[in-house]
Amino acid sequence: MLLVLLGLATASEEPVTDWLPVYGAVLLAGALSVVGRWNALRAFMAWRAENPV
């Protein structure tokens, strides 16, 4: 991911520091999606244990 950031900064001729907020947002979104998926899976498994088929 860091190489992509450096490539974008080089291709657009902008300093890397201009892309750091975008890089941080992508990392944060990825981490939150993983946590959200774990919580959803845990909730589903609890519901499934209470409601067997």
N, C-alpha and C. Protein backbone atom coordinates (compact mmCIF):
# COMPACT_ATOMS: atom_id res chain seq x y z
N MET A 1 0.82 -1.18 0.00
CA MET A 1 0.00 0.00 0.00
C MET A 1 0.87 1.26 0.00
N LEU A 2 1.94 1.21 0.73
CA LEU A 2 2.83 2.36 0.78
C LEU A 2 3.46 2.60 -0.59
N LEU A 3 3.76 1.53 -1.31
CA LEU A 3 4.32 1.69 -2.66
C LEU A 3 3.32 2.35 -3.60
N VAL A 4 2.05 2.04 -3.44
CA VAL A 4 1.01 2.69 -4.26
C VAL A 4 0.97 4.18 -3.95
N LEU A 5 1.06 4.53 -2.68
CA LEU A 5 1.08 5.93 -2.29
C LEU A 5 2.27 6.66 -2.91
N LEU A 6 3.42 6.04 -2.83
CA LEU A 6 4.61 6.66 -3.43
C LEU A 6 4.49 6.77 -4.94
N GLY A 7 3.90 5.75 -5.58
CA GLY A 7 3.70 5.80 -7.03
C GLY A 7 2.74 6.91 -7.44
N LEU A 8 1.64 7.06 -6.69
CA LEU A 8 0.70 8.14 -6.99
C LEU A 8 1.33 9.51 -6.81
N ALA A 9 2.09 9.66 -5.75
CA ALA A 9 2.75 10.94 -5.51
C ALA A 9 3.76 11.25 -6.61
N THR A 10 4.45 10.24 -7.07
CA THR A 10 5.44 10.44 -8.14
C THR A 10 4.75 10.75 -9.47
N ALA A 11 3.68 10.03 -9.78
CA ALA A 11 2.99 10.23 -11.05
C ALA A 11 2.30 11.58 -11.12
N SER A 12 1.76 12.04 -10.00
CA SER A 12 1.04 13.31 -10.02
C SER A 12 1.94 14.50 -9.69
N GLU A 13 3.20 14.23 -9.40
CA GLU A 13 4.18 15.25 -9.07
C GLU A 13 3.75 16.09 -7.87
N GLU A 14 3.03 15.47 -6.93
CA GLU A 14 2.66 16.13 -5.69
C GLU A 14 3.51 15.52 -4.57
N PRO A 15 3.74 16.27 -3.51
CA PRO A 15 4.51 15.70 -2.40
C PRO A 15 3.73 14.57 -1.72
N VAL A 16 4.45 13.65 -1.15
CA VAL A 16 3.85 12.50 -0.48
C VAL A 16 2.95 12.95 0.66
N THR A 17 3.30 14.05 1.30
CA THR A 17 2.51 14.51 2.44
C THR A 17 1.09 14.91 2.05
N ASP A 18 0.86 15.26 0.78
CA ASP A 18 -0.49 15.57 0.33
C ASP A 18 -1.35 14.31 0.26
N TRP A 19 -0.75 13.15 0.11
CA TRP A 19 -1.47 11.89 -0.01
C TRP A 19 -1.62 11.16 1.32
N LEU A 20 -0.97 11.65 2.38
CA LEU A 20 -1.04 10.95 3.66
C LEU A 20 -2.45 10.87 4.25
N PRO A 21 -3.30 11.90 4.14
CA PRO A 21 -4.67 11.74 4.64
C PRO A 21 -5.45 10.64 3.91
N VAL A 22 -5.22 10.52 2.62
CA VAL A 22 -5.88 9.47 1.84
C VAL A 22 -5.38 8.10 2.29
N TYR A 23 -4.09 7.99 2.48
CA TYR A 23 -3.49 6.74 2.94
C TYR A 23 -4.04 6.35 4.31
N GLY A 24 -4.11 7.31 5.21
CA GLY A 24 -4.65 7.05 6.54
C GLY A 24 -6.11 6.65 6.50
N ALA A 25 -6.90 7.29 5.64
CA ALA A 25 -8.32 6.97 5.52
C ALA A 25 -8.52 5.55 4.99
N VAL A 26 -7.72 5.14 4.04
CA VAL A 26 -7.82 3.78 3.49
C VAL A 26 -7.46 2.75 4.55
N LEU A 27 -6.41 3.00 5.30
CA LEU A 27 -6.04 2.07 6.37
C LEU A 27 -7.11 2.00 7.45
N LEU A 28 -7.67 3.13 7.82
CA LEU A 28 -8.72 3.16 8.84
C LEU A 28 -9.98 2.45 8.35
N ALA A 29 -10.35 2.66 7.10
CA ALA A 29 -11.53 1.99 6.55
C ALA A 29 -11.33 0.49 6.51
N GLY A 30 -10.15 0.04 6.16
CA GLY A 30 -9.87 -1.39 6.15
C GLY A 30 -9.96 -2.00 7.54
N ALA A 31 -9.40 -1.32 8.52
CA ALA A 31 -9.45 -1.83 9.90
C ALA A 31 -10.88 -1.85 10.43
N LEU A 32 -11.65 -0.82 10.15
CA LEU A 32 -13.04 -0.78 10.62
C LEU A 32 -13.90 -1.83 9.95
N SER A 33 -13.64 -2.12 8.69
CA SER A 33 -14.42 -3.15 8.01
C SER A 33 -14.12 -4.53 8.58
N VAL A 34 -12.88 -4.78 8.96
CA VAL A 34 -12.54 -6.07 9.58
C VAL A 34 -13.23 -6.20 10.93
N VAL A 35 -13.19 -5.15 11.74
CA VAL A 35 -13.84 -5.18 13.05
C VAL A 35 -15.35 -5.34 12.89
N GLY A 36 -15.93 -4.64 11.95
CA GLY A 36 -17.37 -4.76 11.71
C GLY A 36 -17.76 -6.15 11.26
N ARG A 37 -16.94 -6.76 10.46
CA ARG A 37 -17.23 -8.12 10.00
C ARG A 37 -17.16 -9.11 11.17
N TRP A 38 -16.17 -8.95 12.05
CA TRP A 38 -16.07 -9.83 13.23
C TRP A 38 -17.30 -9.69 14.11
N ASN A 39 -17.74 -8.43 14.34
CA ASN A 39 -18.92 -8.21 15.19
C ASN A 39 -20.17 -8.80 14.54
N ALA A 40 -20.33 -8.64 13.26
CA ALA A 40 -21.49 -9.19 12.57
C ALA A 40 -21.48 -10.71 12.60
N LEU A 41 -20.33 -11.30 12.42
CA LEU A 41 -20.22 -12.76 12.45
C LEU A 41 -20.52 -13.28 13.85
N ARG A 42 -20.02 -12.60 14.87
CA ARG A 42 -20.28 -13.02 16.25
C ARG A 42 -21.77 -12.92 16.56
N ALA A 43 -22.43 -11.84 16.13
CA ALA A 43 -23.87 -11.67 16.35
C ALA A 43 -24.66 -12.75 15.62
N PHE A 44 -24.27 -13.06 14.40
CA PHE A 44 -24.96 -14.10 13.64
C PHE A 44 -24.81 -15.46 14.31
N MET A 45 -23.61 -15.77 14.77
CA MET A 45 -23.40 -17.07 15.41
C MET A 45 -24.18 -17.17 16.72
N ALA A 46 -24.31 -16.08 17.46
CA ALA A 46 -25.12 -16.09 18.69
C ALA A 46 -26.58 -16.30 18.35
N TRP A 47 -27.06 -15.62 17.30
CA TRP A 47 -28.44 -15.80 16.87
C TRP A 47 -28.67 -17.23 16.40
N ARG A 48 -27.71 -17.76 15.69
CA ARG A 48 -27.83 -19.14 15.15
C ARG A 48 -27.87 -20.16 16.28
N ALA A 49 -27.10 -19.92 17.36
CA ALA A 49 -27.12 -20.84 18.50
C ALA A 49 -28.47 -20.83 19.19
N GLU A 50 -29.12 -19.66 19.21
CA GLU A 50 -30.45 -19.55 19.83
C GLU A 50 -31.56 -20.08 18.94
N ASN A 51 -31.35 -20.10 17.63
CA ASN A 51 -32.39 -20.50 16.68
C ASN A 51 -31.88 -21.58 15.74
N PRO A 52 -31.70 -22.79 16.24
CA PRO A 52 -31.22 -23.86 15.35
C PRO A 52 -32.31 -24.25 14.35
N VAL A 53 -31.90 -24.77 13.26
CA VAL A 53 -32.85 -25.17 12.20
C VAL A 53 -33.47 -26.49 12.52
